[in-house]
Amino acid sequence: MRKFLLMCCFLVGITAMAHAQGGQRRSPEDQAKALQTSLKLSDDQTTKVTAILKVQATKMDSVRTAANGDRTAMRSAMGPIRTATSDQIKAILTQDQATAYQKFLDEQRARMQGGGGGN
């Protein structure tokens, strides 16, 4: 009984840590749905954004694999990928949507630089 209780506490602790660290990355579809809601994208725009984000996810995964845990190498390789992705997304947005998207990116960057990568 004691071992079981200890194991349960351990599992709860691991789960809490994973959630606090952001858990798993969101899928391109989930990211596109979030943008659809916040930027009021049309269905056509959402489809195009999803395709762009899928390509980005594939490139990011290959960078992670190639970097083999080297965070510095990952950061330097992912920067241009993120820039290209945001430029492609902005190209399909209206002017108002592009402005709101840029504001979102700026806020996200500020949160990351402030040490808060979470929700």
C-alpha atoms as a PDB file:
ATOM      1  CA  MET A   1       0.000   0.000   0.000  1.00  0.00           C
ATOM      2  CA  ARG A   2       2.825   2.364   0.891  1.00  0.00           C
ATOM      3  CA  LYS A   3       4.602   1.715  -2.425  1.00  0.00           C
ATOM      4  CA  PHE A   4       1.373   2.292  -4.315  1.00  0.00           C
ATOM      5  CA  LEU A   5       0.815   5.633  -2.581  1.00  0.00           C
ATOM      6  CA  LEU A   6       4.410   6.660  -3.246  1.00  0.00           C
ATOM      7  CA  MET A   7       4.055   5.725  -6.924  1.00  0.00           C
ATOM      8  CA  CYS A   8       0.834   7.759  -7.215  1.00  0.00           C
ATOM      9  CA  CYS A   9       2.537  10.813  -5.704  1.00  0.00           C
ATOM     10  CA  PHE A  10       5.436  10.380  -8.095  1.00  0.00           C
ATOM     11  CA  LEU A  11       3.128  10.204 -11.128  1.00  0.00           C
ATOM     12  CA  VAL A  12       1.165  13.265 -10.013  1.00  0.00           C
ATOM     13  CA  GLY A  13       4.430  15.173  -9.546  1.00  0.00           C
ATOM     14  CA  ILE A  14       5.735  14.233 -12.996  1.00  0.00           C
ATOM     15  CA  THR A  15       2.429  15.190 -14.608  1.00  0.00           C
ATOM     16  CA  ALA A  16       2.409  18.548 -12.819  1.00  0.00           C
ATOM     17  CA  MET A  17       5.980  19.260 -13.921  1.00  0.00           C
ATOM     18  CA  ALA A  18       5.210  18.421 -17.541  1.00  0.00           C
ATOM     19  CA  HIS A  19       2.164  20.677 -17.492  1.00  0.00           C
ATOM     20  CA  ALA A  20       4.106  23.512 -15.857  1.00  0.00           C
ATOM     21  CA  GLN A  21       6.758  23.267 -18.566  1.00  0.00           C
ATOM     22  CA  GLY A  22       4.168  23.617 -21.274  1.00  0.00           C
ATOM     23  CA  GLY A  23       3.488  19.971 -21.948  1.00  0.00           C
ATOM     24  CA  GLN A  24       3.537  18.957 -25.570  1.00  0.00           C
ATOM     25  CA  ARG A  25       3.653  21.326 -28.505  1.00  0.00           C
ATOM     26  CA  ARG A  26       0.378  22.203 -30.147  1.00  0.00           C
ATOM     27  CA  SER A  27      -0.308  20.688 -33.534  1.00  0.00           C
ATOM     28  CA  PRO A  28      -0.370  22.908 -36.632  1.00  0.00           C
ATOM     29  CA  GLU A  29      -4.131  22.380 -36.775  1.00  0.00           C
ATOM     30  CA  ASP A  30      -4.558  23.596 -33.182  1.00  0.00           C
ATOM     31  CA  GLN A  31      -2.331  26.606 -33.861  1.00  0.00           C
ATOM     32  CA  ALA A  32      -4.338  27.472 -36.986  1.00  0.00           C
ATOM     33  CA  LYS A  33      -7.635  27.166 -35.079  1.00  0.00           C
ATOM     34  CA  ALA A  34      -6.307  29.519 -32.404  1.00  0.00           C
ATOM     35  CA  LEU A  35      -5.305  32.027 -35.082  1.00  0.00           C
ATOM     36  CA  GLN A  36      -8.670  31.572 -36.800  1.00  0.00           C
ATOM     37  CA  THR A  37     -10.421  32.537 -33.581  1.00  0.00           C
ATOM     38  CA  SER A  38      -8.165  35.414 -32.574  1.00  0.00           C
ATOM     39  CA  LEU A  39      -7.718  36.929 -36.066  1.00  0.00           C
ATOM     40  CA  LYS A  40     -11.152  35.994 -37.438  1.00  0.00           C
ATOM     41  CA  LEU A  41      -9.693  34.111 -40.397  1.00  0.00           C
ATOM     42  CA  SER A  42     -11.862  32.835 -43.219  1.00  0.00           C
ATOM     43  CA  ASP A  43     -11.971  29.093 -43.872  1.00  0.00           C
ATOM     44  CA  ASP A  44      -9.714  29.576 -46.912  1.00  0.00           C
ATOM     45  CA  GLN A  45      -7.176  31.540 -44.862  1.00  0.00           C
ATOM     46  CA  THR A  46      -7.275  28.901 -42.115  1.00  0.00           C
ATOM     47  CA  THR A  47      -6.570  26.145 -44.646  1.00  0.00           C
ATOM     48  CA  LYS A  48      -3.590  28.077 -46.028  1.00  0.00           C
ATOM     49  CA  VAL A  49      -2.261  28.865 -42.517  1.00  0.00           C
ATOM     50  CA  THR A  50      -2.572  25.185 -41.549  1.00  0.00           C
ATOM     51  CA  ALA A  51      -0.522  24.163 -44.593  1.00  0.00           C
ATOM     52  CA  ILE A  52       2.162  26.748 -43.785  1.00  0.00           C
ATOM     53  CA  LEU A  53       2.321  25.609 -40.147  1.00  0.00           C
ATOM     54  CA  LYS A  54       2.581  21.947 -41.195  1.00  0.00           C
ATOM     55  CA  VAL A  55       5.615  22.758 -43.341  1.00  0.00           C
ATOM     56  CA  GLN A  56       7.119  24.704 -40.439  1.00  0.00           C
ATOM     57  CA  ALA A  57       6.538  21.788 -38.040  1.00  0.00           C
ATOM     58  CA  THR A  58       8.283  19.387 -40.430  1.00  0.00           C
ATOM     59  CA  LYS A  59      11.278  21.709 -40.769  1.00  0.00           C
ATOM     60  CA  MET A  60      11.447  22.292 -37.001  1.00  0.00           C
ATOM     61  CA  ASP A  61      11.364  18.554 -36.311  1.00  0.00           C
ATOM     62  CA  SER A  62      14.243  17.968 -38.714  1.00  0.00           C
ATOM     63  CA  VAL A  63      16.233  20.769 -37.043  1.00  0.00           C
ATOM     64  CA  ARG A  64      15.601  19.238 -33.606  1.00  0.00           C
ATOM     65  CA  THR A  65      16.762  15.869 -34.867  1.00  0.00           C
ATOM     66  CA  ALA A  66      19.860  17.282 -36.547  1.00  0.00           C
ATOM     67  CA  ALA A  67      20.800  19.449 -33.538  1.00  0.00           C
ATOM     68  CA  ASN A  68      20.719  16.401 -31.267  1.00  0.00           C
ATOM     69  CA  GLY A  69      19.925  18.429 -28.141  1.00  0.00           C
ATOM     70  CA  ASP A  70      22.216  21.387 -28.908  1.00  0.00           C
ATOM     71  CA  ARG A  71      19.904  24.253 -27.918  1.00  0.00           C
ATOM     72  CA  THR A  72      22.141  26.947 -29.395  1.00  0.00           C
ATOM     73  CA  ALA A  73      22.175  25.242 -32.777  1.00  0.00           C
ATOM     74  CA  MET A  74      18.411  24.780 -32.635  1.00  0.00           C
ATOM     75  CA  ARG A  75      17.773  28.432 -31.832  1.00  0.00           C
ATOM     76  CA  SER A  76      19.996  29.709 -34.622  1.00  0.00           C
ATOM     77  CA  ALA A  77      18.436  27.334 -37.174  1.00  0.00           C
ATOM     78  CA  MET A  78      14.828  27.904 -36.085  1.00  0.00           C
ATOM     79  CA  GLY A  79      14.921  31.692 -36.233  1.00  0.00           C
ATOM     80  CA  PRO A  80      14.895  31.905 -40.049  1.00  0.00           C
ATOM     81  CA  ILE A  81      12.213  29.201 -40.227  1.00  0.00           C
ATOM     82  CA  ARG A  82       9.950  31.154 -37.873  1.00  0.00           C
ATOM     83  CA  THR A  83      10.584  34.393 -39.780  1.00  0.00           C
ATOM     84  CA  ALA A  84       9.733  32.770 -43.115  1.00  0.00           C
ATOM     85  CA  THR A  85       6.594  31.230 -41.640  1.00  0.00           C
ATOM     86  CA  SER A  86       5.345  34.503 -40.180  1.00  0.00           C
ATOM     87  CA  ASP A  87       6.060  36.283 -43.486  1.00  0.00           C
ATOM     88  CA  GLN A  88       4.076  33.641 -45.391  1.00  0.00           C
ATOM     89  CA  ILE A  89       1.177  33.908 -42.955  1.00  0.00           C
ATOM     90  CA  LYS A  90       1.164  37.722 -43.132  1.00  0.00           C
ATOM     91  CA  ALA A  91       0.987  37.503 -46.939  1.00  0.00           C
ATOM     92  CA  ILE A  92      -2.447  35.844 -46.782  1.00  0.00           C
ATOM     93  CA  LEU A  93      -3.869  38.139 -44.089  1.00  0.00           C
ATOM     94  CA  THR A  94      -5.739  41.396 -44.500  1.00  0.00           C
ATOM     95  CA  GLN A  95      -3.986  44.537 -43.268  1.00  0.00           C
ATOM     96  CA  ASP A  96      -5.932  44.521 -39.973  1.00  0.00           C
ATOM     97  CA  GLN A  97      -5.278  40.819 -39.432  1.00  0.00           C
ATOM     98  CA  ALA A  98      -1.568  41.271 -40.193  1.00  0.00           C
ATOM     99  CA  THR A  99      -1.360  44.091 -37.641  1.00  0.00           C
ATOM    100  CA  ALA A 100      -3.078  41.939 -34.999  1.00  0.00           C
ATOM    101  CA  TYR A 101      -0.837  38.988 -35.893  1.00  0.00           C
ATOM    102  CA  GLN A 102       2.304  41.118 -35.509  1.00  0.00           C
ATOM    103  CA  LYS A 103       1.065  42.320 -32.121  1.00  0.00           C
ATOM    104  CA  PHE A 104       0.517  38.685 -31.113  1.00  0.00           C
ATOM    105  CA  LEU A 105       4.067  37.773 -32.225  1.00  0.00           C
ATOM    106  CA  ASP A 106       5.535  40.735 -30.325  1.00  0.00           C
ATOM    107  CA  GLU A 107       3.674  39.772 -27.141  1.00  0.00           C
ATOM    108  CA  GLN A 108       4.761  36.154 -27.521  1.00  0.00           C
ATOM    109  CA  ARG A 109       8.392  37.217 -27.983  1.00  0.00           C
ATOM    110  CA  ALA A 110       8.210  39.465 -24.898  1.00  0.00           C
ATOM    111  CA  ARG A 111       6.785  36.589 -22.824  1.00  0.00           C
ATOM    112  CA  MET A 112       9.550  34.249 -23.963  1.00  0.00           C
ATOM    113  CA  GLN A 113      12.294  36.799 -23.263  1.00  0.00           C
ATOM    114  CA  GLY A 114      10.752  37.476 -19.857  1.00  0.00           C
ATOM    115  CA  GLY A 115      11.243  33.851 -18.951  1.00  0.00           C
ATOM    116  CA  GLY A 116       7.570  32.944 -19.072  1.00  0.00           C
ATOM    117  CA  GLY A 117       7.043  30.454 -21.845  1.00  0.00           C
ATOM    118  CA  GLY A 118       3.841  29.097 -20.323  1.00  0.00           C
ATOM    119  CA  ASN A 119       0.218  29.955 -20.715  1.00  0.00           C
END
